[in-house]
């Protein structure tokens, strides 16, 4: 797990940093769970295409949120 304590330019408090780390871990876990659910549904004989679409859409939303939180934790530094 990446932490930024003591890094120049990191003005976030330790509490906010911890909250972001916890949210990131939760989002990644949910993303992995969706991956498994999608795979199981695709392998199912009676797969529900609408449910599959919903799961994939949720997975993409999670990916976007994960990227946002990662950017909050470790922002791009323009040289």
C-alpha atoms as a PDB file:
ATOM      1  CA  UNK A   1       0.000   0.000   0.000  1.00  0.00           C
ATOM      2  CA  UNK A   2       1.395   3.400  -0.970  1.00  0.00           C
ATOM      3  CA  UNK A   3       1.469   6.168   1.615  1.00  0.00           C
ATOM      4  CA  UNK A   4       2.614   9.728   1.122  1.00  0.00           C
ATOM      5  CA  UNK A   5       3.470  10.820   4.647  1.00  0.00           C
ATOM      6  CA  UNK A   6       6.378  13.212   4.589  1.00  0.00           C
ATOM      7  CA  UNK A   7       6.337  13.672   0.814  1.00  0.00           C
ATOM      8  CA  UNK A   8       6.669  17.289  -0.314  1.00  0.00           C
ATOM      9  CA  UNK A   9       3.459  18.676  -1.778  1.00  0.00           C
ATOM     10  CA  UNK A  10       1.217  16.254   0.064  1.00  0.00           C
ATOM     11  CA  UNK A  11      -0.941  18.606   2.114  1.00  0.00           C
ATOM     12  CA  UNK A  12      -3.662  16.096   2.972  1.00  0.00           C
ATOM     13  CA  UNK A  13      -4.094  15.223   6.616  1.00  0.00           C
ATOM     14  CA  UNK A  14      -3.388  11.719   7.831  1.00  0.00           C
ATOM     15  CA  UNK A  15      -7.087  11.107   8.497  1.00  0.00           C
ATOM     16  CA  UNK A  16      -8.146  11.994   4.975  1.00  0.00           C
ATOM     17  CA  UNK A  17      -5.287   9.919   3.562  1.00  0.00           C
ATOM     18  CA  UNK A  18      -6.406   6.916   5.622  1.00  0.00           C
ATOM     19  CA  UNK A  19     -10.000   7.361   4.472  1.00  0.00           C
ATOM     20  CA  UNK A  20      -8.892   7.433   0.827  1.00  0.00           C
ATOM     21  CA  UNK A  21      -6.752   4.319   1.317  1.00  0.00           C
ATOM     22  CA  UNK A  22      -9.702   2.504   2.932  1.00  0.00           C
ATOM     23  CA  UNK A  23     -12.070   3.565   0.147  1.00  0.00           C
ATOM     24  CA  UNK A  24      -9.562   2.445  -2.476  1.00  0.00           C
ATOM     25  CA  UNK A  25      -9.229  -0.984  -0.870  1.00  0.00           C
ATOM     26  CA  UNK A  26     -13.021  -1.353  -0.690  1.00  0.00           C
ATOM     27  CA  UNK A  27     -13.472  -0.309  -4.324  1.00  0.00           C
ATOM     28  CA  UNK A  28     -10.786  -2.711  -5.543  1.00  0.00           C
ATOM     29  CA  UNK A  29     -12.384  -5.562  -3.605  1.00  0.00           C
ATOM     30  CA  UNK A  30     -15.807  -4.800  -5.084  1.00  0.00           C
ATOM     31  CA  UNK A  31     -14.216  -4.606  -8.562  1.00  0.00           C
ATOM     32  CA  UNK A  32     -12.658  -8.079  -8.085  1.00  0.00           C
ATOM     33  CA  UNK A  33     -15.984  -9.456  -6.827  1.00  0.00           C
ATOM     34  CA  UNK A  34     -17.761  -8.086  -9.897  1.00  0.00           C
ATOM     35  CA  UNK A  35     -15.113  -9.678 -12.103  1.00  0.00           C
ATOM     36  CA  UNK A  36     -15.893 -13.071 -10.579  1.00  0.00           C
ATOM     37  CA  UNK A  37     -19.666 -12.535 -10.812  1.00  0.00           C
ATOM     38  CA  UNK A  38     -19.421 -11.521 -14.479  1.00  0.00           C
ATOM     39  CA  UNK A  39     -17.261 -14.546 -15.273  1.00  0.00           C
ATOM     40  CA  UNK A  40     -19.689 -16.876 -13.499  1.00  0.00           C
ATOM     41  CA  UNK A  41     -22.674 -15.331 -15.292  1.00  0.00           C
ATOM     42  CA  UNK A  42     -20.951 -15.608 -18.675  1.00  0.00           C
ATOM     43  CA  UNK A  43     -20.199 -19.289 -18.006  1.00  0.00           C
ATOM     44  CA  UNK A  44     -23.798 -19.934 -16.979  1.00  0.00           C
ATOM     45  CA  UNK A  45     -26.059 -21.673 -19.489  1.00  0.00           C
ATOM     46  CA  UNK A  46     -28.985 -19.398 -18.667  1.00  0.00           C
ATOM     47  CA  UNK A  47     -27.044 -16.148 -18.492  1.00  0.00           C
ATOM     48  CA  UNK A  48     -29.099 -12.983 -18.158  1.00  0.00           C
ATOM     49  CA  UNK A  49     -27.768 -10.507 -20.723  1.00  0.00           C
ATOM     50  CA  UNK A  50     -29.369  -7.505 -19.007  1.00  0.00           C
ATOM     51  CA  UNK A  51     -27.871  -8.463 -15.650  1.00  0.00           C
ATOM     52  CA  UNK A  52     -24.511  -8.987 -17.370  1.00  0.00           C
ATOM     53  CA  UNK A  53     -24.688  -5.494 -18.898  1.00  0.00           C
ATOM     54  CA  UNK A  54     -25.535  -3.977 -15.518  1.00  0.00           C
ATOM     55  CA  UNK A  55     -22.615  -5.720 -13.835  1.00  0.00           C
ATOM     56  CA  UNK A  56     -20.205  -4.603 -16.544  1.00  0.00           C
ATOM     57  CA  UNK A  57     -21.457  -1.024 -16.312  1.00  0.00           C
ATOM     58  CA  UNK A  58     -21.013  -1.052 -12.522  1.00  0.00           C
ATOM     59  CA  UNK A  59     -17.520  -2.471 -12.977  1.00  0.00           C
ATOM     60  CA  UNK A  60     -16.607   0.412 -15.310  1.00  0.00           C
ATOM     61  CA  UNK A  61     -17.994   2.925 -12.812  1.00  0.00           C
ATOM     62  CA  UNK A  62     -15.860   1.355 -10.112  1.00  0.00           C
ATOM     63  CA  UNK A  63     -12.781   1.517 -12.349  1.00  0.00           C
ATOM     64  CA  UNK A  64     -13.382   5.250 -12.862  1.00  0.00           C
ATOM     65  CA  UNK A  65     -13.833   5.823  -9.115  1.00  0.00           C
ATOM     66  CA  UNK A  66     -10.700   3.783  -8.351  1.00  0.00           C
ATOM     67  CA  UNK A  67      -8.721   5.965 -10.759  1.00  0.00           C
ATOM     68  CA  UNK A  68     -10.134   9.124  -9.163  1.00  0.00           C
ATOM     69  CA  UNK A  69      -9.226   7.988  -5.640  1.00  0.00           C
ATOM     70  CA  UNK A  70      -5.752   6.903  -6.758  1.00  0.00           C
ATOM     71  CA  UNK A  71      -5.257  10.358  -8.285  1.00  0.00           C
ATOM     72  CA  UNK A  72      -6.300  11.943  -4.968  1.00  0.00           C
ATOM     73  CA  UNK A  73      -3.776   9.820  -3.100  1.00  0.00           C
ATOM     74  CA  UNK A  74      -0.926  10.332  -5.558  1.00  0.00           C
ATOM     75  CA  UNK A  75      -1.617  13.353  -7.765  1.00  0.00           C
ATOM     76  CA  UNK A  76       0.268  13.845 -11.034  1.00  0.00           C
ATOM     77  CA  UNK A  77       3.244  16.105 -10.584  1.00  0.00           C
ATOM     78  CA  UNK A  78       3.858  18.349 -13.555  1.00  0.00           C
ATOM     79  CA  UNK A  79       7.588  18.846 -13.981  1.00  0.00           C
END
